[in-house]
C-alpha atoms as a PDB file:
ATOM      1  CA  MET A   1       8.684  22.657 -29.904  1.00  0.00           C
ATOM      2  CA  ALA A   2       5.022  21.351 -28.945  1.00  0.00           C
ATOM      3  CA  LYS A   3       4.116  21.294 -25.447  1.00  0.00           C
ATOM      4  CA  GLY A   4       5.386  18.236 -23.646  1.00  0.00           C
ATOM      5  CA  GLU A   5       7.795  17.260 -26.355  1.00  0.00           C
ATOM      6  CA  LYS A   6      10.773  18.224 -24.139  1.00  0.00           C
ATOM      7  CA  GLY A   7       9.622  15.870 -21.406  1.00  0.00           C
ATOM      8  CA  THR A   8       8.994  13.218 -24.074  1.00  0.00           C
ATOM      9  CA  ARG A   9      12.569  13.489 -25.297  1.00  0.00           C
ATOM     10  CA  PHE A  10      13.835  13.348 -21.991  1.00  0.00           C
ATOM     11  CA  GLN A  11      12.110  10.132 -21.245  1.00  0.00           C
ATOM     12  CA  ASP A  12      13.271   8.758 -24.534  1.00  0.00           C
ATOM     13  CA  TYR A  13      16.774   9.834 -23.366  1.00  0.00           C
ATOM     14  CA  LEU A  14      16.492   8.309 -19.953  1.00  0.00           C
ATOM     15  CA  SER A  15      14.986   4.966 -21.056  1.00  0.00           C
ATOM     16  CA  GLN A  16      17.984   4.546 -23.274  1.00  0.00           C
ATOM     17  CA  LYS A  17      20.434   5.461 -20.660  1.00  0.00           C
ATOM     18  CA  LEU A  18      18.789   2.914 -18.039  1.00  0.00           C
ATOM     19  CA  GLN A  19      19.627   0.095 -20.441  1.00  0.00           C
ATOM     20  CA  ASN A  20      23.273   0.631 -19.241  1.00  0.00           C
ATOM     21  CA  PRO A  21      23.424  -1.510 -15.865  1.00  0.00           C
ATOM     22  CA  GLU A  22      25.929   0.686 -14.341  1.00  0.00           C
ATOM     23  CA  PHE A  23      23.956   3.894 -15.191  1.00  0.00           C
ATOM     24  CA  ARG A  24      20.717   2.178 -13.880  1.00  0.00           C
ATOM     25  CA  ARG A  25      22.564   1.311 -10.580  1.00  0.00           C
ATOM     26  CA  GLU A  26      23.776   4.865  -9.990  1.00  0.00           C
ATOM     27  CA  TYR A  27      20.386   6.296 -11.132  1.00  0.00           C
ATOM     28  CA  GLU A  28      18.341   3.950  -8.794  1.00  0.00           C
ATOM     29  CA  ALA A  29      20.803   4.645  -5.805  1.00  0.00           C
ATOM     30  CA  LEU A  30      19.772   8.457  -6.075  1.00  0.00           C
ATOM     31  CA  GLY A  31      16.078   7.632  -5.706  1.00  0.00           C
ATOM     32  CA  PRO A  32      16.002   8.388  -1.790  1.00  0.00           C
ATOM     33  CA  ARG A  33      17.419  11.755  -2.468  1.00  0.00           C
ATOM     34  CA  PHE A  34      14.853  12.629  -5.344  1.00  0.00           C
ATOM     35  CA  ASP A  35      12.071  11.361  -2.909  1.00  0.00           C
ATOM     36  CA  LEU A  36      13.189  13.827  -0.272  1.00  0.00           C
ATOM     37  CA  ALA A  37      13.532  16.563  -2.636  1.00  0.00           C
ATOM     38  CA  ALA A  38       9.948  16.052  -3.986  1.00  0.00           C
ATOM     39  CA  ALA A  39       8.702  15.895  -0.659  1.00  0.00           C
ATOM     40  CA  LEU A  40      10.489  18.919   0.563  1.00  0.00           C
ATOM     41  CA  ILE A  41       9.031  20.890  -2.639  1.00  0.00           C
ATOM     42  CA  ARG A  42       5.414  19.419  -1.926  1.00  0.00           C
ATOM     43  CA  LEU A  43       5.533  20.533   1.681  1.00  0.00           C
ATOM     44  CA  ARG A  44       6.843  24.039   0.830  1.00  0.00           C
ATOM     45  CA  LEU A  45       4.429  24.677  -1.713  1.00  0.00           C
ATOM     46  CA  ASP A  46       1.353  23.205   0.388  1.00  0.00           C
ATOM     47  CA  ALA A  47       2.654  25.894   2.970  1.00  0.00           C
ATOM     48  CA  GLY A  48       2.797  28.593   0.600  1.00  0.00           C
ATOM     49  CA  LEU A  49       6.542  29.328   1.239  1.00  0.00           C
ATOM     50  CA  THR A  50       9.150  30.156  -0.991  1.00  0.00           C
ATOM     51  CA  GLN A  51      12.476  28.668  -0.912  1.00  0.00           C
ATOM     52  CA  GLU A  52      13.860  31.813   0.893  1.00  0.00           C
ATOM     53  CA  GLN A  53      11.122  31.703   3.437  1.00  0.00           C
ATOM     54  CA  LEU A  54      11.753  27.931   4.315  1.00  0.00           C
ATOM     55  CA  ALA A  55      15.488  28.638   4.558  1.00  0.00           C
ATOM     56  CA  GLU A  56      14.824  31.324   6.972  1.00  0.00           C
ATOM     57  CA  ARG A  57      12.690  29.028   9.097  1.00  0.00           C
ATOM     58  CA  ILE A  58      15.308  26.420   8.709  1.00  0.00           C
ATOM     59  CA  GLY A  59      18.325  28.590   9.173  1.00  0.00           C
ATOM     60  CA  ASP A  60      20.064  27.042   5.964  1.00  0.00           C
ATOM     61  CA  GLN A  61      19.497  28.806   2.418  1.00  0.00           C
ATOM     62  CA  THR A  62      22.027  26.643   0.798  1.00  0.00           C
ATOM     63  CA  GLY A  63      20.534  23.391   2.257  1.00  0.00           C
ATOM     64  CA  VAL A  64      17.090  24.164   1.104  1.00  0.00           C
ATOM     65  CA  HIS A  65      18.315  24.783  -2.511  1.00  0.00           C
ATOM     66  CA  HIS A  66      20.473  21.777  -2.785  1.00  0.00           C
ATOM     67  CA  ALA A  67      17.866  19.481  -1.216  1.00  0.00           C
ATOM     68  CA  SER A  68      15.147  20.822  -3.649  1.00  0.00           C
ATOM     69  CA  GLY A  69      17.299  20.015  -6.443  1.00  0.00           C
ATOM     70  CA  GLY A  70      18.027  16.581  -4.993  1.00  0.00           C
ATOM     71  CA  GLN A  71      21.638  17.227  -4.303  1.00  0.00           C
ATOM     72  CA  THR A  72      23.815  16.066  -1.741  1.00  0.00           C
ATOM     73  CA  ARG A  73      23.267  18.640   1.210  1.00  0.00           C
ATOM     74  CA  GLU A  74      19.758  18.092   2.482  1.00  0.00           C
ATOM     75  CA  PRO A  75      18.208  19.616   5.378  1.00  0.00           C
ATOM     76  CA  ASP A  76      16.983  17.139   8.141  1.00  0.00           C
ATOM     77  CA  ALA A  77      13.467  15.676   6.424  1.00  0.00           C
ATOM     78  CA  GLU A  78      11.744  16.011   9.823  1.00  0.00           C
ATOM     79  CA  ASN A  79      12.792  19.486  10.653  1.00  0.00           C
ATOM     80  CA  ALA A  80      12.071  20.549   7.185  1.00  0.00           C
ATOM     81  CA  GLY A  81       8.488  19.195   7.147  1.00  0.00           C
ATOM     82  CA  GLU A  82       7.960  20.907  10.668  1.00  0.00           C
ATOM     83  CA  ASP A  83       9.247  24.299   9.427  1.00  0.00           C
ATOM     84  CA  CYS A  84       6.739  23.805   6.572  1.00  0.00           C
ATOM     85  CA  GLY A  85       3.833  23.721   9.163  1.00  0.00           C
ATOM     86  CA  ARG A  86       3.534  19.789   9.300  1.00  0.00           C
ATOM     87  CA  ASP A  87       3.673  17.788  12.436  1.00  0.00           C
ATOM     88  CA  ARG A  88       6.239  14.980  12.752  1.00  0.00           C
ATOM     89  CA  ARG A  89       4.713  11.654  12.153  1.00  0.00           C
END
């Protein structure tokens, strides 16, 4: 498989699925969760922390794992940023 081919196939699949109005509504409803997951991952990486190290600072390993994957259990966004060494804004 050529580099990037897997991503291209996923984009094709997603484009097809998004034509279904019900799927599109559900997908778009997940946007804030994915935004939080992306922000948490970016802050964690910028701070040079592993998921385990961030979890120790937050005190919730399961929450960090789930939030990084965009799943239901997210740690508080402000606390997670602070634990990554960022000031609350």
